[in-house]
Amino acid sequence: FVIEDQFVDGDKVATRMTAHVRMRETGEAVTMLGINLAIIRGGKIHEEWNTWELLKSPDQAAPARGSLSTWG
């Protein structure tokens, strides 16, 4: 996992991350983008929500779900 961005506001933490993993079924190497939102209380995660998006290379037939915007 690579943490790309992380923001804290009081007890709330937002993290944008990239994971380079292998698919369990096929062993194929893939890249996933994730967003995690957490509420920390008493030094522990009290609540947590996350979502992941599987990126596909341009030569793969099925398009990735969702969207990716790059500003530069």
N, C-alpha and C. Protein backbone atom coordinates (compact mmCIF):
# COMPACT_ATOMS: atom_id res chain seq x y z
N PHE A 1 0.84 -1.18 0.00
CA PHE A 1 0.00 0.00 0.00
C PHE A 1 0.88 1.24 0.00
N VAL A 2 0.46 2.23 -0.76
CA VAL A 2 1.14 3.52 -0.80
C VAL A 2 0.11 4.58 -0.43
N ILE A 3 0.37 5.34 0.62
CA ILE A 3 -0.52 6.43 0.99
C ILE A 3 -0.17 7.63 0.11
N GLU A 4 -1.14 8.04 -0.70
CA GLU A 4 -0.94 9.15 -1.64
C GLU A 4 -1.24 10.49 -0.96
N ASP A 5 -2.32 10.54 -0.19
CA ASP A 5 -2.74 11.74 0.54
C ASP A 5 -3.40 11.32 1.83
N GLN A 6 -3.28 12.17 2.86
CA GLN A 6 -3.97 11.91 4.11
C GLN A 6 -4.28 13.25 4.76
N PHE A 7 -5.54 13.41 5.17
CA PHE A 7 -6.00 14.65 5.77
C PHE A 7 -6.66 14.34 7.10
N VAL A 8 -6.44 15.22 8.09
CA VAL A 8 -7.02 15.05 9.41
C VAL A 8 -7.79 16.32 9.77
N ASP A 9 -9.01 16.14 10.29
CA ASP A 9 -9.81 17.26 10.78
C ASP A 9 -10.46 16.78 12.08
N GLY A 10 -9.90 17.20 13.20
CA GLY A 10 -10.42 16.73 14.49
C GLY A 10 -10.22 15.24 14.63
N ASP A 11 -11.33 14.50 14.81
CA ASP A 11 -11.23 13.04 14.96
C ASP A 11 -11.45 12.29 13.65
N LYS A 12 -11.53 13.02 12.51
CA LYS A 12 -11.77 12.41 11.21
C LYS A 12 -10.47 12.36 10.41
N VAL A 13 -10.24 11.20 9.76
CA VAL A 13 -9.04 11.00 8.92
C VAL A 13 -9.50 10.49 7.56
N ALA A 14 -9.05 11.16 6.50
CA ALA A 14 -9.32 10.73 5.13
C ALA A 14 -8.00 10.32 4.49
N THR A 15 -7.99 9.15 3.85
CA THR A 15 -6.77 8.64 3.24
C THR A 15 -7.07 8.20 1.81
N ARG A 16 -6.22 8.63 0.88
CA ARG A 16 -6.28 8.15 -0.51
C ARG A 16 -5.05 7.29 -0.70
N MET A 17 -5.25 6.05 -1.17
CA MET A 17 -4.12 5.13 -1.26
C MET A 17 -4.16 4.30 -2.54
N THR A 18 -3.00 3.74 -2.86
CA THR A 18 -2.85 2.84 -4.00
C THR A 18 -2.35 1.50 -3.47
N ALA A 19 -2.91 0.43 -4.00
CA ALA A 19 -2.47 -0.91 -3.62
C ALA A 19 -2.04 -1.66 -4.87
N HIS A 20 -0.87 -2.26 -4.83
CA HIS A 20 -0.37 -3.11 -5.91
C HIS A 20 -0.47 -4.54 -5.39
N VAL A 21 -1.43 -5.29 -5.93
CA VAL A 21 -1.75 -6.63 -5.41
C VAL A 21 -1.88 -7.63 -6.55
N ARG A 22 -2.07 -8.88 -6.18
CA ARG A 22 -2.34 -9.94 -7.16
C ARG A 22 -3.74 -10.49 -6.90
N MET A 23 -4.46 -10.74 -7.99
CA MET A 23 -5.80 -11.31 -7.88
C MET A 23 -5.68 -12.74 -7.35
N ARG A 24 -6.47 -13.07 -6.37
CA ARG A 24 -6.40 -14.39 -5.75
C ARG A 24 -6.69 -15.50 -6.75
N GLU A 25 -7.69 -15.29 -7.61
CA GLU A 25 -8.11 -16.35 -8.53
C GLU A 25 -7.11 -16.61 -9.66
N THR A 26 -6.47 -15.53 -10.17
CA THR A 26 -5.65 -15.67 -11.37
C THR A 26 -4.16 -15.41 -11.15
N GLY A 27 -3.80 -14.74 -10.07
CA GLY A 27 -2.42 -14.36 -9.84
C GLY A 27 -2.01 -13.13 -10.62
N GLU A 28 -2.96 -12.54 -11.36
CA GLU A 28 -2.68 -11.33 -12.17
C GLU A 28 -2.35 -10.15 -11.26
N ALA A 29 -1.28 -9.42 -11.60
CA ALA A 29 -0.92 -8.22 -10.86
C ALA A 29 -1.87 -7.09 -11.27
N VAL A 30 -2.45 -6.40 -10.29
CA VAL A 30 -3.37 -5.29 -10.57
C VAL A 30 -3.07 -4.12 -9.63
N THR A 31 -3.56 -2.97 -10.02
CA THR A 31 -3.45 -1.77 -9.19
C THR A 31 -4.85 -1.34 -8.80
N MET A 32 -5.01 -1.00 -7.53
CA MET A 32 -6.30 -0.55 -7.03
C MET A 32 -6.11 0.80 -6.35
N LEU A 33 -7.11 1.68 -6.52
CA LEU A 33 -7.13 2.96 -5.83
C LEU A 33 -8.17 2.88 -4.72
N GLY A 34 -7.84 3.40 -3.54
CA GLY A 34 -8.76 3.33 -2.41
C GLY A 34 -8.90 4.65 -1.70
N ILE A 35 -10.08 4.84 -1.13
CA ILE A 35 -10.38 5.98 -0.27
C ILE A 35 -10.87 5.40 1.05
N ASN A 36 -10.31 5.87 2.16
CA ASN A 36 -10.70 5.40 3.48
C ASN A 36 -11.05 6.61 4.34
N LEU A 37 -12.20 6.57 4.99
CA LEU A 37 -12.60 7.60 5.94
C LEU A 37 -12.74 6.93 7.30
N ALA A 38 -12.13 7.52 8.32
CA ALA A 38 -12.17 6.91 9.66
C ALA A 38 -12.42 7.98 10.71
N ILE A 39 -13.09 7.57 11.77
CA ILE A 39 -13.26 8.41 12.96
C ILE A 39 -12.47 7.74 14.08
N ILE A 40 -11.56 8.51 14.67
CA ILE A 40 -10.68 8.00 15.73
C ILE A 40 -11.14 8.57 17.07
N ARG A 41 -11.39 7.70 18.03
CA ARG A 41 -11.76 8.13 19.38
C ARG A 41 -10.99 7.30 20.40
N GLY A 42 -10.38 7.98 21.35
CA GLY A 42 -9.60 7.27 22.36
C GLY A 42 -8.43 6.52 21.77
N GLY A 43 -7.88 7.03 20.65
CA GLY A 43 -6.74 6.38 20.02
C GLY A 43 -7.07 5.13 19.22
N LYS A 44 -8.37 4.84 19.03
CA LYS A 44 -8.79 3.66 18.29
C LYS A 44 -9.77 4.05 17.19
N ILE A 45 -9.82 3.23 16.15
CA ILE A 45 -10.80 3.46 15.08
C ILE A 45 -12.18 3.16 15.63
N HIS A 46 -13.04 4.17 15.64
CA HIS A 46 -14.41 4.04 16.14
C HIS A 46 -15.36 3.65 15.01
N GLU A 47 -15.21 4.30 13.85
CA GLU A 47 -15.99 3.99 12.66
C GLU A 47 -15.04 4.07 11.46
N GLU A 48 -15.37 3.32 10.39
CA GLU A 48 -14.51 3.33 9.22
C GLU A 48 -15.32 2.97 7.98
N TRP A 49 -15.06 3.68 6.89
CA TRP A 49 -15.69 3.39 5.60
C TRP A 49 -14.60 3.40 4.56
N ASN A 50 -14.69 2.50 3.56
CA ASN A 50 -13.71 2.52 2.49
C ASN A 50 -14.32 2.04 1.19
N THR A 51 -13.68 2.43 0.11
CA THR A 51 -14.08 1.98 -1.22
C THR A 51 -12.82 1.79 -2.06
N TRP A 52 -12.86 0.81 -2.96
CA TRP A 52 -11.71 0.51 -3.81
C TRP A 52 -12.16 0.48 -5.26
N GLU A 53 -11.27 0.91 -6.16
CA GLU A 53 -11.52 0.88 -7.59
C GLU A 53 -10.38 0.13 -8.25
N LEU A 54 -10.72 -0.88 -9.03
CA LEU A 54 -9.72 -1.66 -9.75
C LEU A 54 -9.39 -0.95 -11.05
N LEU A 55 -8.13 -0.61 -11.25
CA LEU A 55 -7.70 0.02 -12.49
C LEU A 55 -7.38 -1.06 -13.51
N LYS A 56 -7.71 -0.79 -14.74
CA LYS A 56 -7.40 -1.72 -15.82
C LYS A 56 -6.50 -1.02 -16.82
N SER A 57 -5.58 -1.75 -17.39
CA SER A 57 -4.70 -1.17 -18.39
C SER A 57 -5.49 -0.93 -19.67
N PRO A 58 -5.04 0.00 -20.53
CA PRO A 58 -5.78 0.32 -21.75
C PRO A 58 -5.97 -0.86 -22.70
N ASP A 59 -5.10 -1.87 -22.65
CA ASP A 59 -5.23 -3.01 -23.56
C ASP A 59 -6.23 -4.06 -23.07
N GLN A 60 -6.80 -3.88 -21.88
CA GLN A 60 -7.80 -4.82 -21.39
C GLN A 60 -9.17 -4.39 -21.90
N ALA A 61 -10.02 -5.36 -22.25
CA ALA A 61 -11.30 -5.07 -22.89
C ALA A 61 -12.29 -4.35 -21.96
N ALA A 62 -12.39 -4.79 -20.73
CA ALA A 62 -13.40 -4.21 -19.83
C ALA A 62 -12.90 -2.90 -19.23
N PRO A 63 -13.66 -1.81 -19.36
CA PRO A 63 -13.24 -0.54 -18.77
C PRO A 63 -13.37 -0.57 -17.25
N ALA A 64 -12.55 0.23 -16.58
CA ALA A 64 -12.63 0.33 -15.13
C ALA A 64 -13.93 1.03 -14.76
N ARG A 65 -14.53 0.63 -13.66
CA ARG A 65 -15.74 1.29 -13.18
C ARG A 65 -15.34 2.56 -12.46
N GLY A 66 -16.20 3.56 -12.48
CA GLY A 66 -15.90 4.82 -11.81
C GLY A 66 -15.03 5.69 -12.69
N SER A 67 -14.35 6.62 -12.09
CA SER A 67 -13.53 7.53 -12.89
C SER A 67 -12.25 7.87 -12.15
N LEU A 68 -11.28 8.29 -12.90
CA LEU A 68 -10.00 8.73 -12.35
C LEU A 68 -9.65 10.03 -13.02
N SER A 69 -9.46 11.07 -12.25
CA SER A 69 -9.05 12.36 -12.79
C SER A 69 -7.63 12.65 -12.34
N THR A 70 -6.83 13.12 -13.27
CA THR A 70 -5.46 13.48 -12.95
C THR A 70 -5.27 14.94 -13.29
N TRP A 71 -4.81 15.72 -12.32
CA TRP A 71 -4.56 17.13 -12.54
C TRP A 71 -3.05 17.33 -12.53
N GLY A 72 -2.55 18.06 -13.48
CA GLY A 72 -1.11 18.22 -13.49
C GLY A 72 -0.69 19.33 -14.27
